[in-house]
Amino acid sequence: MSEANEQIILDFLTKWSTRDAEGMAAAFAEDGVYDNVPDEKPMVGREAILTWLNQCLGVLSQIDVEMLNISSNGEWVLNERIDDHIVGDKHMPLPVMNASRIVDGKIVMFRDYYCRVTVKELGMG
């Protein structure tokens, strides 16, 4: 189960580079949560997640994800990665730590941790 859950997260993250917001949202349970921890409010529900993903992809050319480490324990998958936010020729690499919970093959919690200071220094916030 753990390897299958890791693959769900890897497949989800790969969809950033192909700009597949619908495929990404479909990876979530209907009432799933996408939580960018430094932000005030998580996206709750597949529809809210899709709206947010489309907003991101409206600004970004793409996001390339470099997976540094991934590990799982039952329903939980932890990963450390570099998300390279790309706008035109500008690359903005952001270190991210993530904790995700997978239930019945769907993401019920996707929680990204990153530094808001780094986001600001990169010119993204």
PDB file of N, CA and C in Angstrom:
ATOM      1  N   MET A   1       0.826  -1.201   0.000  1.00  0.00           N
ATOM      2  CA  MET A   1       0.000   0.000   0.000  1.00  0.00           C
ATOM      3  C   MET A   1       0.864   1.256   0.000  1.00  0.00           C
ATOM      4  N   SER A   2       1.948   1.266   0.772  1.00  0.00           N
ATOM      5  CA  SER A   2       2.779   2.457   0.862  1.00  0.00           C
ATOM      6  C   SER A   2       3.381   2.854  -0.483  1.00  0.00           C
ATOM      7  N   GLU A   3       3.901   1.859  -1.230  1.00  0.00           N
ATOM      8  CA  GLU A   3       4.476   2.175  -2.547  1.00  0.00           C
ATOM      9  C   GLU A   3       3.424   2.707  -3.493  1.00  0.00           C
ATOM     10  N   ALA A   4       2.230   2.140  -3.448  1.00  0.00           N
ATOM     11  CA  ALA A   4       1.140   2.633  -4.299  1.00  0.00           C
ATOM     12  C   ALA A   4       0.780   4.069  -3.920  1.00  0.00           C
ATOM     13  N   ASN A   5       0.783   4.374  -2.634  1.00  0.00           N
ATOM     14  CA  ASN A   5       0.477   5.736  -2.193  1.00  0.00           C
ATOM     15  C   ASN A   5       1.568   6.716  -2.614  1.00  0.00           C
ATOM     16  N   GLU A   6       2.820   6.274  -2.542  1.00  0.00           N
ATOM     17  CA  GLU A   6       3.915   7.117  -3.032  1.00  0.00           C
ATOM     18  C   GLU A   6       3.723   7.421  -4.510  1.00  0.00           C
ATOM     19  N   GLN A   7       3.317   6.421  -5.286  1.00  0.00           N
ATOM     20  CA  GLN A   7       3.128   6.616  -6.719  1.00  0.00           C
ATOM     21  C   GLN A   7       1.997   7.608  -7.001  1.00  0.00           C
ATOM     22  N   ILE A   8       0.956   7.597  -6.192  1.00  0.00           N
ATOM     23  CA  ILE A   8      -0.141   8.561  -6.353  1.00  0.00           C
ATOM     24  C   ILE A   8       0.396   9.980  -6.203  1.00  0.00           C
ATOM     25  N   ILE A   9       1.241  10.199  -5.206  1.00  0.00           N
ATOM     26  CA  ILE A   9       1.824  11.528  -4.993  1.00  0.00           C
ATOM     27  C   ILE A   9       2.776  11.886  -6.134  1.00  0.00           C
ATOM     28  N   LEU A  10       3.611  10.948  -6.551  1.00  0.00           N
ATOM     29  CA  LEU A  10       4.521  11.218  -7.677  1.00  0.00           C
ATOM     30  C   LEU A  10       3.748  11.556  -8.941  1.00  0.00           C
ATOM     31  N   ASP A  11       2.688  10.815  -9.230  1.00  0.00           N
ATOM     32  CA  ASP A  11       1.861  11.098 -10.413  1.00  0.00           C
ATOM     33  C   ASP A  11       1.218  12.478 -10.310  1.00  0.00           C
ATOM     34  N   PHE A  12       0.721  12.788  -9.119  1.00  0.00           N
ATOM     35  CA  PHE A  12       0.102  14.102  -8.893  1.00  0.00           C
ATOM     36  C   PHE A  12       1.101  15.223  -9.171  1.00  0.00           C
ATOM     37  N   LEU A  13       2.288  15.127  -8.603  1.00  0.00           N
ATOM     38  CA  LEU A  13       3.291  16.183  -8.755  1.00  0.00           C
ATOM     39  C   LEU A  13       3.781  16.307 -10.196  1.00  0.00           C
ATOM     40  N   THR A  14       3.838  15.211 -10.926  1.00  0.00           N
ATOM     41  CA  THR A  14       4.252  15.246 -12.331  1.00  0.00           C
ATOM     42  C   THR A  14       3.291  16.079 -13.178  1.00  0.00           C
ATOM     43  N   LYS A  15       2.042  16.105 -12.767  1.00  0.00           N
ATOM     44  CA  LYS A  15       1.027  16.843 -13.539  1.00  0.00           C
ATOM     45  C   LYS A  15       1.228  18.362 -13.498  1.00  0.00           C
ATOM     46  N   TRP A  16       2.042  18.868 -12.551  1.00  0.00           N
ATOM     47  CA  TRP A  16       2.359  20.303 -12.585  1.00  0.00           C
ATOM     48  C   TRP A  16       3.044  20.663 -13.906  1.00  0.00           C
ATOM     49  N   SER A  17       3.999  19.844 -14.329  1.00  0.00           N
ATOM     50  CA  SER A  17       4.771  20.183 -15.528  1.00  0.00           C
ATOM     51  C   SER A  17       3.960  20.024 -16.809  1.00  0.00           C
ATOM     52  N   THR A  18       2.902  19.231 -16.761  1.00  0.00           N
ATOM     53  CA  THR A  18       2.051  19.072 -17.942  1.00  0.00           C
ATOM     54  C   THR A  18       0.815  19.965 -17.882  1.00  0.00           C
ATOM     55  N   ARG A  19       0.713  20.758 -16.801  1.00  0.00           N
ATOM     56  CA  ARG A  19      -0.372  21.739 -16.634  1.00  0.00           C
ATOM     57  C   ARG A  19      -1.751  21.061 -16.627  1.00  0.00           C
ATOM     58  N   ASP A  20      -1.827  19.914 -15.994  1.00  0.00           N
ATOM     59  CA  ASP A  20      -3.059  19.121 -15.973  1.00  0.00           C
ATOM     60  C   ASP A  20      -3.828  19.339 -14.666  1.00  0.00           C
ATOM     61  N   ALA A  21      -4.456  20.505 -14.538  1.00  0.00           N
ATOM     62  CA  ALA A  21      -5.186  20.838 -13.312  1.00  0.00           C
ATOM     63  C   ALA A  21      -6.332  19.858 -13.062  1.00  0.00           C
ATOM     64  N   GLU A  22      -7.037  19.473 -14.107  1.00  0.00           N
ATOM     65  CA  GLU A  22      -8.152  18.539 -13.923  1.00  0.00           C
ATOM     66  C   GLU A  22      -7.662  17.184 -13.431  1.00  0.00           C
ATOM     67  N   GLY A  23      -6.560  16.700 -13.977  1.00  0.00           N
ATOM     68  CA  GLY A  23      -5.987  15.435 -13.526  1.00  0.00           C
ATOM     69  C   GLY A  23      -5.506  15.524 -12.088  1.00  0.00           C
ATOM     70  N   MET A  24      -4.946  16.682 -11.724  1.00  0.00           N
ATOM     71  CA  MET A  24      -4.480  16.877 -10.351  1.00  0.00           C
ATOM     72  C   MET A  24      -5.667  16.874  -9.389  1.00  0.00           C
ATOM     73  N   ALA A  25      -6.708  17.614  -9.714  1.00  0.00           N
ATOM     74  CA  ALA A  25      -7.887  17.684  -8.844  1.00  0.00           C
ATOM     75  C   ALA A  25      -8.545  16.316  -8.720  1.00  0.00           C
ATOM     76  N   ALA A  26      -8.536  15.549  -9.791  1.00  0.00           N
ATOM     77  CA  ALA A  26      -9.155  14.218  -9.772  1.00  0.00           C
ATOM     78  C   ALA A  26      -8.425  13.259  -8.833  1.00  0.00           C
ATOM     79  N   ALA A  27      -7.171  13.573  -8.480  1.00  0.00           N
ATOM     80  CA  ALA A  27      -6.419  12.726  -7.551  1.00  0.00           C
ATOM     81  C   ALA A  27      -6.934  12.854  -6.116  1.00  0.00           C
ATOM     82  N   PHE A  28      -7.731  13.894  -5.862  1.00  0.00           N
ATOM     83  CA  PHE A  28      -8.243  14.146  -4.516  1.00  0.00           C
ATOM     84  C   PHE A  28      -9.588  13.480  -4.291  1.00  0.00           C
ATOM     85  N   ALA A  29      -9.838  13.111  -3.030  1.00  0.00           N
ATOM     86  CA  ALA A  29     -11.178  12.709  -2.622  1.00  0.00           C
ATOM     87  C   ALA A  29     -12.097  13.914  -2.805  1.00  0.00           C
ATOM     88  N   GLU A  30     -13.369  13.671  -2.955  1.00  0.00           N
ATOM     89  CA  GLU A  30     -14.329  14.768  -3.169  1.00  0.00           C
ATOM     90  C   GLU A  30     -14.196  15.854  -2.097  1.00  0.00           C
ATOM     91  N   ASP A  31     -13.938  15.459  -0.855  1.00  0.00           N
ATOM     92  CA  ASP A  31     -13.796  16.424   0.242  1.00  0.00           C
ATOM     93  C   ASP A  31     -12.334  16.594   0.660  1.00  0.00           C
ATOM     94  N   GLY A  32     -11.415  16.312  -0.249  1.00  0.00           N
ATOM     95  CA  GLY A  32      -9.991  16.416   0.042  1.00  0.00           C
ATOM     96  C   GLY A  32      -9.572  17.836   0.377  1.00  0.00           C
ATOM     97  N   VAL A  33      -8.392  17.950   0.983  1.00  0.00           N
ATOM     98  CA  VAL A  33      -7.858  19.238   1.425  1.00  0.00           C
ATOM     99  C   VAL A  33      -6.465  19.436   0.842  1.00  0.00           C
ATOM    100  N   TYR A  34      -6.240  20.611   0.255  1.00  0.00           N
ATOM    101  CA  TYR A  34      -4.919  21.032  -0.216  1.00  0.00           C
ATOM    102  C   TYR A  34      -4.525  22.205   0.663  1.00  0.00           C
ATOM    103  N   ASP A  35      -3.535  22.004   1.511  1.00  0.00           N
ATOM    104  CA  ASP A  35      -3.162  23.002   2.500  1.00  0.00           C
ATOM    105  C   ASP A  35      -1.735  23.477   2.271  1.00  0.00           C
ATOM    106  N   ASN A  36      -1.598  24.718   1.813  1.00  0.00           N
ATOM    107  CA  ASN A  36      -0.298  25.381   1.791  1.00  0.00           C
ATOM    108  C   ASN A  36      -0.157  26.006   3.176  1.00  0.00           C
ATOM    109  N   VAL A  37       0.538  25.325   4.062  1.00  0.00           N
ATOM    110  CA  VAL A  37       0.534  25.651   5.488  1.00  0.00           C
ATOM    111  C   VAL A  37       0.831  27.123   5.778  1.00  0.00           C
ATOM    112  N   PRO A  38       1.802  27.758   5.096  1.00  0.00           N
ATOM    113  CA  PRO A  38       2.037  29.168   5.418  1.00  0.00           C
ATOM    114  C   PRO A  38       0.868  30.096   5.057  1.00  0.00           C
ATOM    115  N   ASP A  39      -0.006  29.657   4.167  1.00  0.00           N
ATOM    116  CA  ASP A  39      -1.154  30.477   3.790  1.00  0.00           C
ATOM    117  C   ASP A  39      -2.237  30.359   4.858  1.00  0.00           C
ATOM    118  N   GLU A  40      -3.156  31.289   4.841  1.00  0.00           N
ATOM    119  CA  GLU A  40      -4.167  31.351   5.895  1.00  0.00           C
ATOM    120  C   GLU A  40      -5.223  30.264   5.809  1.00  0.00           C
ATOM    121  N   LYS A  41      -5.617  29.896   4.614  1.00  0.00           N
ATOM    122  CA  LYS A  41      -6.785  29.044   4.473  1.00  0.00           C
ATOM    123  C   LYS A  41      -6.541  27.932   3.449  1.00  0.00           C
ATOM    124  N   PRO A  42      -6.748  26.687   3.835  1.00  0.00           N
ATOM    125  CA  PRO A  42      -6.582  25.592   2.864  1.00  0.00           C
ATOM    126  C   PRO A  42      -7.748  25.546   1.875  1.00  0.00           C
ATOM    127  N   MET A  43      -7.500  24.906   0.730  1.00  0.00           N
ATOM    128  CA  MET A  43      -8.565  24.641  -0.237  1.00  0.00           C
ATOM    129  C   MET A  43      -9.236  23.346   0.203  1.00  0.00           C
ATOM    130  N   VAL A  44     -10.541  23.370   0.337  1.00  0.00           N
ATOM    131  CA  VAL A  44     -11.290  22.206   0.799  1.00  0.00           C
ATOM    132  C   VAL A  44     -12.274  21.793  -0.281  1.00  0.00           C
ATOM    133  N   GLY A  45     -12.172  20.554  -0.715  1.00  0.00           N
ATOM    134  CA  GLY A  45     -13.057  20.025  -1.742  1.00  0.00           C
ATOM    135  C   GLY A  45     -12.422  20.097  -3.113  1.00  0.00           C
ATOM    136  N   ARG A  46     -12.741  19.109  -3.922  1.00  0.00           N
ATOM    137  CA  ARG A  46     -12.139  18.985  -5.249  1.00  0.00           C
ATOM    138  C   ARG A  46     -12.377  20.230  -6.110  1.00  0.00           C
ATOM    139  N   GLU A  47     -13.571  20.806  -6.038  1.00  0.00           N
ATOM    140  CA  GLU A  47     -13.884  21.984  -6.861  1.00  0.00           C
ATOM    141  C   GLU A  47     -13.019  23.187  -6.466  1.00  0.00           C
ATOM    142  N   ALA A  48     -12.863  23.431  -5.168  1.00  0.00           N
ATOM    143  CA  ALA A  48     -12.024  24.539  -4.700  1.00  0.00           C
ATOM    144  C   ALA A  48     -10.562  24.310  -5.084  1.00  0.00           C
ATOM    145  N   ILE A  49     -10.125  23.068  -4.995  1.00  0.00           N
ATOM    146  CA  ILE A  49      -8.747  22.730  -5.369  1.00  0.00           C
ATOM    147  C   ILE A  49      -8.536  22.987  -6.855  1.00  0.00           C
ATOM    148  N   LEU A  50      -9.482  22.569  -7.690  1.00  0.00           N
ATOM    149  CA  LEU A  50      -9.365  22.795  -9.136  1.00  0.00           C
ATOM    150  C   LEU A  50      -9.325  24.287  -9.450  1.00  0.00           C
ATOM    151  N   THR A  51     -10.156  25.072  -8.808  1.00  0.00           N
ATOM    152  CA  THR A  51     -10.156  26.522  -9.022  1.00  0.00           C
ATOM    153  C   THR A  51      -8.794  27.112  -8.692  1.00  0.00           C
ATOM    154  N   TRP A  52      -8.223  26.710  -7.543  1.00  0.00           N
ATOM    155  CA  TRP A  52      -6.917  27.223  -7.134  1.00  0.00           C
ATOM    156  C   TRP A  52      -5.821  26.782  -8.097  1.00  0.00           C
ATOM    157  N   LEU A  53      -5.838  25.512  -8.505  1.00  0.00           N
ATOM    158  CA  LEU A  53      -4.826  25.012  -9.442  1.00  0.00           C
ATOM    159  C   LEU A  53      -4.881  25.788 -10.755  1.00  0.00           C
ATOM    160  N   ASN A  54      -6.078  26.043 -11.260  1.00  0.00           N
ATOM    161  CA  ASN A  54      -6.227  26.818 -12.501  1.00  0.00           C
ATOM    162  C   ASN A  54      -5.700  28.236 -12.334  1.00  0.00           C
ATOM    163  N   GLN A  55      -5.901  28.830 -11.161  1.00  0.00           N
ATOM    164  CA  GLN A  55      -5.355  30.168 -10.898  1.00  0.00           C
ATOM    165  C   GLN A  55      -3.830  30.135 -10.950  1.00  0.00           C
ATOM    166  N   CYS A  56      -3.233  29.131 -10.326  1.00  0.00           N
ATOM    167  CA  CYS A  56      -1.771  28.998 -10.340  1.00  0.00           C
ATOM    168  C   CYS A  56      -1.255  28.850 -11.763  1.00  0.00           C
ATOM    169  N   LEU A  57      -1.891  27.975 -12.520  1.00  0.00           N
ATOM    170  CA  LEU A  57      -1.435  27.721 -13.883  1.00  0.00           C
ATOM    171  C   LEU A  57      -1.715  28.900 -14.805  1.00  0.00           C
ATOM    172  N   GLY A  58      -2.608  29.798 -14.405  1.00  0.00           N
ATOM    173  CA  GLY A  58      -2.843  31.014 -15.172  1.00  0.00           C
ATOM    174  C   GLY A  58      -1.692  31.995 -15.051  1.00  0.00           C
ATOM    175  N   VAL A  59      -0.923  31.895 -13.979  1.00  0.00           N
ATOM    176  CA  VAL A  59       0.205  32.794 -13.720  1.00  0.00           C
ATOM    177  C   VAL A  59       1.533  32.155 -14.118  1.00  0.00           C
ATOM    178  N   LEU A  60       1.667  30.871 -13.840  1.00  0.00           N
ATOM    179  CA  LEU A  60       2.932  30.166 -14.053  1.00  0.00           C
ATOM    180  C   LEU A  60       2.973  29.495 -15.421  1.00  0.00           C
ATOM    181  N   SER A  61       4.155  29.497 -16.036  1.00  0.00           N
ATOM    182  CA  SER A  61       4.328  28.713 -17.260  1.00  0.00           C
ATOM    183  C   SER A  61       4.221  27.231 -16.923  1.00  0.00           C
ATOM    184  N   GLN A  62       4.864  26.849 -15.807  1.00  0.00           N
ATOM    185  CA  GLN A  62       4.788  25.483 -15.303  1.00  0.00           C
ATOM    186  C   GLN A  62       5.544  25.404 -13.978  1.00  0.00           C
ATOM    187  N   ILE A  63       5.447  24.254 -13.348  1.00  0.00           N
ATOM    188  CA  ILE A  63       6.246  23.940 -12.174  1.00  0.00           C
ATOM    189  C   ILE A  63       6.933  22.612 -12.448  1.00  0.00           C
ATOM    190  N   ASP A  64       8.260  22.629 -12.356  1.00  0.00           N
ATOM    191  CA  ASP A  64       9.031  21.390 -12.455  1.00  0.00           C
ATOM    192  C   ASP A  64       9.377  20.948 -11.047  1.00  0.00           C
ATOM    193  N   VAL A  65       9.117  19.695 -10.743  1.00  0.00           N
ATOM    194  CA  VAL A  65       9.335  19.165  -9.401  1.00  0.00           C
ATOM    195  C   VAL A  65      10.545  18.237  -9.403  1.00  0.00           C
ATOM    196  N   GLU A  66      11.488  18.531  -8.517  1.00  0.00           N
ATOM    197  CA  GLU A  66      12.639  17.652  -8.298  1.00  0.00           C
ATOM    198  C   GLU A  66      12.433  16.961  -6.952  1.00  0.00           C
ATOM    199  N   MET A  67      12.176  15.665  -6.980  1.00  0.00           N
ATOM    200  CA  MET A  67      11.964  14.902  -5.755  1.00  0.00           C
ATOM    201  C   MET A  67      13.316  14.595  -5.117  1.00  0.00           C
ATOM    202  N   LEU A  68      13.499  15.014  -3.884  1.00  0.00           N
ATOM    203  CA  LEU A  68      14.739  14.755  -3.171  1.00  0.00           C
ATOM    204  C   LEU A  68      14.631  13.491  -2.322  1.00  0.00           C
ATOM    205  N   ASN A  69      13.525  13.358  -1.604  1.00  0.00           N
ATOM    206  CA  ASN A  69      13.288  12.192  -0.745  1.00  0.00           C
ATOM    207  C   ASN A  69      11.791  11.924  -0.673  1.00  0.00           C
ATOM    208  N   ILE A  70      11.443  10.653  -0.572  1.00  0.00           N
ATOM    209  CA  ILE A  70      10.049  10.273  -0.389  1.00  0.00           C
ATOM    210  C   ILE A  70      10.019   9.038   0.500  1.00  0.00           C
ATOM    211  N   SER A  71       9.053   9.017   1.402  1.00  0.00           N
ATOM    212  CA  SER A  71       8.912   7.904   2.328  1.00  0.00           C
ATOM    213  C   SER A  71       7.444   7.778   2.708  1.00  0.00           C
ATOM    214  N   SER A  72       7.041   6.575   3.065  1.00  0.00           N
ATOM    215  CA  SER A  72       5.643   6.395   3.435  1.00  0.00           C
ATOM    216  C   SER A  72       5.507   5.430   4.595  1.00  0.00           C
ATOM    217  N   ASN A  73       4.375   5.579   5.270  1.00  0.00           N
ATOM    218  CA  ASN A  73       4.013   4.708   6.367  1.00  0.00           C
ATOM    219  C   ASN A  73       2.497   4.566   6.328  1.00  0.00           C
ATOM    220  N   GLY A  74       2.021   3.472   5.771  1.00  0.00           N
ATOM    221  CA  GLY A  74       0.578   3.268   5.663  1.00  0.00           C
ATOM    222  C   GLY A  74      -0.059   4.314   4.771  1.00  0.00           C
ATOM    223  N   GLU A  75      -1.013   5.051   5.307  1.00  0.00           N
ATOM    224  CA  GLU A  75      -1.751   6.062   4.544  1.00  0.00           C
ATOM    225  C   GLU A  75      -0.952   7.339   4.318  1.00  0.00           C
ATOM    226  N   TRP A  76       0.144   7.519   5.053  1.00  0.00           N
ATOM    227  CA  TRP A  76       0.887   8.777   5.002  1.00  0.00           C
ATOM    228  C   TRP A  76       2.123   8.686   4.107  1.00  0.00           C
ATOM    229  N   VAL A  77       2.310   9.732   3.283  1.00  0.00           N
ATOM    230  CA  VAL A  77       3.473   9.865   2.408  1.00  0.00           C
ATOM    231  C   VAL A  77       4.140  11.198   2.745  1.00  0.00           C
ATOM    232  N   LEU A  78       5.443  11.154   3.001  1.00  0.00           N
ATOM    233  CA  LEU A  78       6.225  12.359   3.244  1.00  0.00           C
ATOM    234  C   LEU A  78       7.193  12.535   2.092  1.00  0.00           C
ATOM    235  N   ASN A  79       7.345  13.781   1.638  1.00  0.00           N
ATOM    236  CA  ASN A  79       8.334  14.021   0.594  1.00  0.00           C
ATOM    237  C   ASN A  79       8.985  15.377   0.769  1.00  0.00           C
ATOM    238  N   GLU A  80      10.253  15.422   0.355  1.00  0.00           N
ATOM    239  CA  GLU A  80      11.048  16.645   0.330  1.00  0.00           C
ATOM    240  C   GLU A  80      11.386  16.889  -1.132  1.00  0.00           C
ATOM    241  N   ARG A  81      11.149  18.118  -1.574  1.00  0.00           N
ATOM    242  CA  ARG A  81      11.342  18.387  -2.997  1.00  0.00           C
ATOM    243  C   ARG A  81      11.690  19.850  -3.242  1.00  0.00           C
ATOM    244  N   ILE A  82      12.091  20.120  -4.474  1.00  0.00           N
ATOM    245  CA  ILE A  82      12.291  21.486  -4.948  1.00  0.00           C
ATOM    246  C   ILE A  82      11.262  21.714  -6.047  1.00  0.00           C
ATOM    247  N   ASP A  83      10.381  22.685  -5.839  1.00  0.00           N
ATOM    248  CA  ASP A  83       9.402  23.069  -6.855  1.00  0.00           C
ATOM    249  C   ASP A  83       9.947  24.281  -7.594  1.00  0.00           C
ATOM    250  N   ASP A  84      10.294  24.112  -8.854  1.00  0.00           N
ATOM    251  CA  ASP A  84      10.812  25.211  -9.668  1.00  0.00           C
ATOM    252  C   ASP A  84       9.636  25.875 -10.376  1.00  0.00           C
ATOM    253  N   HIS A  85       9.191  27.019  -9.828  1.00  0.00           N
ATOM    254  CA  HIS A  85       8.096  27.789 -10.420  1.00  0.00           C
ATOM    255  C   HIS A  85       8.675  28.579 -11.589  1.00  0.00           C
ATOM    256  N   ILE A  86       8.099  28.402 -12.757  1.00  0.00           N
ATOM    257  CA  ILE A  86       8.653  29.012 -13.966  1.00  0.00           C
ATOM    258  C   ILE A  86       7.633  29.983 -14.563  1.00  0.00           C
ATOM    259  N   VAL A  87       8.089  31.215 -14.784  1.00  0.00           N
ATOM    260  CA  VAL A  87       7.296  32.225 -15.470  1.00  0.00           C
ATOM    261  C   VAL A  87       8.178  32.761 -16.589  1.00  0.00           C
ATOM    262  N   GLY A  88       7.834  32.417 -17.834  1.00  0.00           N
ATOM    263  CA  GLY A  88       8.688  32.796 -18.956  1.00  0.00           C
ATOM    264  C   GLY A  88      10.056  32.166 -18.799  1.00  0.00           C
ATOM    265  N   ASP A  89      11.099  33.006 -18.766  1.00  0.00           N
ATOM    266  CA  ASP A  89      12.466  32.520 -18.594  1.00  0.00           C
ATOM    267  C   ASP A  89      12.919  32.527 -17.136  1.00  0.00           C
ATOM    268  N   LYS A  90      12.064  33.002 -16.245  1.00  0.00           N
ATOM    269  CA  LYS A  90      12.436  33.126 -14.830  1.00  0.00           C
ATOM    270  C   LYS A  90      12.131  31.835 -14.071  1.00  0.00           C
ATOM    271  N   HIS A  91      13.142  31.322 -13.370  1.00  0.00           N
ATOM    272  CA  HIS A  91      13.004  30.128 -12.539  1.00  0.00           C
ATOM    273  C   HIS A  91      13.048  30.540 -11.073  1.00  0.00           C
ATOM    274  N   MET A  92      12.093  30.029 -10.293  1.00  0.00           N
ATOM    275  CA  MET A  92      12.004  30.356  -8.870  1.00  0.00           C
ATOM    276  C   MET A  92      11.919  29.056  -8.071  1.00  0.00           C
ATOM    277  N   PRO A  93      13.087  28.454  -7.746  1.00  0.00           N
ATOM    278  CA  PRO A  93      13.096  27.172  -7.034  1.00  0.00           C
ATOM    279  C   PRO A  93      12.746  27.341  -5.551  1.00  0.00           C
ATOM    280  N   LEU A  94      11.762  26.596  -5.105  1.00  0.00           N
ATOM    281  CA  LEU A  94      11.281  26.684  -3.733  1.00  0.00           C
ATOM    282  C   LEU A  94      11.399  25.330  -3.045  1.00  0.00           C
ATOM    283  N   PRO A  95      12.179  25.228  -1.949  1.00  0.00           N
ATOM    284  CA  PRO A  95      12.222  23.980  -1.186  1.00  0.00           C
ATOM    285  C   PRO A  95      10.878  23.756  -0.476  1.00  0.00           C
ATOM    286  N   VAL A  96      10.376  22.524  -0.553  1.00  0.00           N
ATOM    287  CA  VAL A  96       9.072  22.187   0.020  1.00  0.00           C
ATOM    288  C   VAL A  96       9.164  20.851   0.753  1.00  0.00           C
ATOM    289  N   MET A  97       8.509  20.779   1.892  1.00  0.00           N
ATOM    290  CA  MET A  97       8.302  19.521   2.604  1.00  0.00           C
ATOM    291  C   MET A  97       6.804  19.269   2.592  1.00  0.00           C
ATOM    292  N   ASN A  98       6.414  18.024   2.371  1.00  0.00           N
ATOM    293  CA  ASN A  98       5.000  17.698   2.235  1.00  0.00           C
ATOM    294  C   ASN A  98       4.642  16.476   3.062  1.00  0.00           C
ATOM    295  N   ALA A  99       3.450  16.524   3.644  1.00  0.00           N
ATOM    296  CA  ALA A  99       2.844  15.368   4.295  1.00  0.00           C
ATOM    297  C   ALA A  99       1.474  15.173   3.646  1.00  0.00           C
ATOM    298  N   SER A 100       1.242  13.989   3.104  1.00  0.00           N
ATOM    299  CA  SER A 100      -0.028  13.692   2.439  1.00  0.00           C
ATOM    300  C   SER A 100      -0.621  12.409   2.992  1.00  0.00           C
ATOM    301  N   ARG A 101      -1.935  12.385   3.039  1.00  0.00           N
ATOM    302  CA  ARG A 101      -2.650  11.182   3.476  1.00  0.00           C
ATOM    303  C   ARG A 101      -3.492  10.678   2.317  1.00  0.00           C
ATOM    304  N   ILE A 102      -3.350   9.392   2.030  1.00  0.00           N
ATOM    305  CA  ILE A 102      -4.072   8.738   0.939  1.00  0.00           C
ATOM    306  C   ILE A 102      -5.027   7.717   1.556  1.00  0.00           C
ATOM    307  N   VAL A 103      -6.290   7.785   1.165  1.00  0.00           N
ATOM    308  CA  VAL A 103      -7.288   6.818   1.619  1.00  0.00           C
ATOM    309  C   VAL A 103      -8.034   6.303   0.397  1.00  0.00           C
ATOM    310  N   ASP A 104      -8.076   4.998   0.247  1.00  0.00           N
ATOM    311  CA  ASP A 104      -8.777   4.368  -0.885  1.00  0.00           C
ATOM    312  C   ASP A 104      -8.328   4.934  -2.228  1.00  0.00           C
ATOM    313  N   GLY A 105      -7.022   5.183  -2.370  1.00  0.00           N
ATOM    314  CA  GLY A 105      -6.465   5.618  -3.640  1.00  0.00           C
ATOM    315  C   GLY A 105      -6.655   7.087  -3.968  1.00  0.00           C
ATOM    316  N   LYS A 106      -7.169   7.869  -3.030  1.00  0.00           N
ATOM    317  CA  LYS A 106      -7.388   9.301  -3.254  1.00  0.00           C
ATOM    318  C   LYS A 106      -6.690  10.110  -2.170  1.00  0.00           C
ATOM    319  N   ILE A 107      -6.225  11.295  -2.543  1.00  0.00           N
ATOM    320  CA  ILE A 107      -5.595  12.199  -1.586  1.00  0.00           C
ATOM    321  C   ILE A 107      -6.695  12.833  -0.735  1.00  0.00           C
ATOM    322  N   VAL A 108      -6.613  12.652   0.578  1.00  0.00           N
ATOM    323  CA  VAL A 108      -7.565  13.316   1.472  1.00  0.00           C
ATOM    324  C   VAL A 108      -6.917  14.523   2.153  1.00  0.00           C
ATOM    325  N   MET A 109      -5.580  14.527   2.241  1.00  0.00           N
ATOM    326  CA  MET A 109      -4.854  15.666   2.803  1.00  0.00           C
ATOM    327  C   MET A 109      -3.529  15.809   2.077  1.00  0.00           C
ATOM    328  N   PHE A 110      -3.289  16.999   1.545  1.00  0.00           N
ATOM    329  CA  PHE A 110      -2.024  17.324   0.893  1.00  0.00           C
ATOM    330  C   PHE A 110      -1.541  18.603   1.558  1.00  0.00           C
ATOM    331  N   ARG A 111      -0.506  18.497   2.362  1.00  0.00           N
ATOM    332  CA  ARG A 111      -0.070  19.618   3.191  1.00  0.00           C
ATOM    333  C   ARG A 111       1.377  19.969   2.859  1.00  0.00           C
ATOM    334  N   ASP A 112       1.573  21.143   2.212  1.00  0.00           N
ATOM    335  CA  ASP A 112       2.899  21.631   1.848  1.00  0.00           C
ATOM    336  C   ASP A 112       3.409  22.633   2.880  1.00  0.00           C
ATOM    337  N   TYR A 113       4.668  22.440   3.283  1.00  0.00           N
ATOM    338  CA  TYR A 113       5.355  23.349   4.194  1.00  0.00           C
ATOM    339  C   TYR A 113       6.507  23.999   3.427  1.00  0.00           C
ATOM    340  N   TYR A 114       6.577  25.323   3.477  1.00  0.00           N
ATOM    341  CA  TYR A 114       7.663  26.059   2.837  1.00  0.00           C
ATOM    342  C   TYR A 114       7.810  27.397   3.542  1.00  0.00           C
ATOM    343  N   CYS A 115       8.872  28.094   3.249  1.00  0.00           N
ATOM    344  CA  CYS A 115       9.205  29.346   3.926  1.00  0.00           C
ATOM    345  C   CYS A 115       8.627  30.543   3.162  1.00  0.00           C
ATOM    346  N   ARG A 116       7.794  31.329   3.842  1.00  0.00           N
ATOM    347  CA  ARG A 116       7.205  32.518   3.207  1.00  0.00           C
ATOM    348  C   ARG A 116       8.278  33.554   2.875  1.00  0.00           C
ATOM    349  N   VAL A 117       9.342  33.628   3.663  1.00  0.00           N
ATOM    350  CA  VAL A 117      10.427  34.570   3.382  1.00  0.00           C
ATOM    351  C   VAL A 117      11.070  34.213   2.044  1.00  0.00           C
ATOM    352  N   THR A 118      11.318  32.931   1.819  1.00  0.00           N
ATOM    353  CA  THR A 118      11.887  32.488   0.550  1.00  0.00           C
ATOM    354  C   THR A 118      10.947  32.815  -0.597  1.00  0.00           C
ATOM    355  N   VAL A 119       9.659  32.607  -0.413  1.00  0.00           N
ATOM    356  CA  VAL A 119       8.666  32.926  -1.444  1.00  0.00           C
ATOM    357  C   VAL A 119       8.777  34.413  -1.815  1.00  0.00           C
ATOM    358  N   LYS A 120       8.848  35.258  -0.800  1.00  0.00           N
ATOM    359  CA  LYS A 120       8.947  36.698  -1.033  1.00  0.00           C
ATOM    360  C   LYS A 120      10.258  37.055  -1.734  1.00  0.00           C
ATOM    361  N   GLU A 121      11.358  36.456  -1.281  1.00  0.00           N
ATOM    362  CA  GLU A 121      12.672  36.728  -1.896  1.00  0.00           C
ATOM    363  C   GLU A 121      12.700  36.288  -3.361  1.00  0.00           C
ATOM    364  N   LEU A 122      11.959  35.249  -3.699  1.00  0.00           N
ATOM    365  CA  LEU A 122      11.896  34.790  -5.083  1.00  0.00           C
ATOM    366  C   LEU A 122      10.992  35.673  -5.941  1.00  0.00           C
ATOM    367  N   GLY A 123      10.244  36.558  -5.297  1.00  0.00           N
ATOM    368  CA  GLY A 123       9.347  37.456  -6.025  1.00  0.00           C
ATOM    369  C   GLY A 123       7.979  36.844  -6.291  1.00  0.00           C
ATOM    370  N   MET A 124       7.601  35.841  -5.492  1.00  0.00           N
ATOM    371  CA  MET A 124       6.325  35.160  -5.713  1.00  0.00           C
ATOM    372  C   MET A 124       5.254  35.578  -4.703  1.00  0.00           C
ATOM    373  N   GLY A 125       5.555  36.468  -3.804  1.00  0.00           N
ATOM    374  CA  GLY A 125       4.524  36.798  -2.813  1.00  0.00           C
ATOM    375  C   GLY A 125       4.834  38.019  -2.022  1.00  0.00           C
TER     376      GLY A 125
END
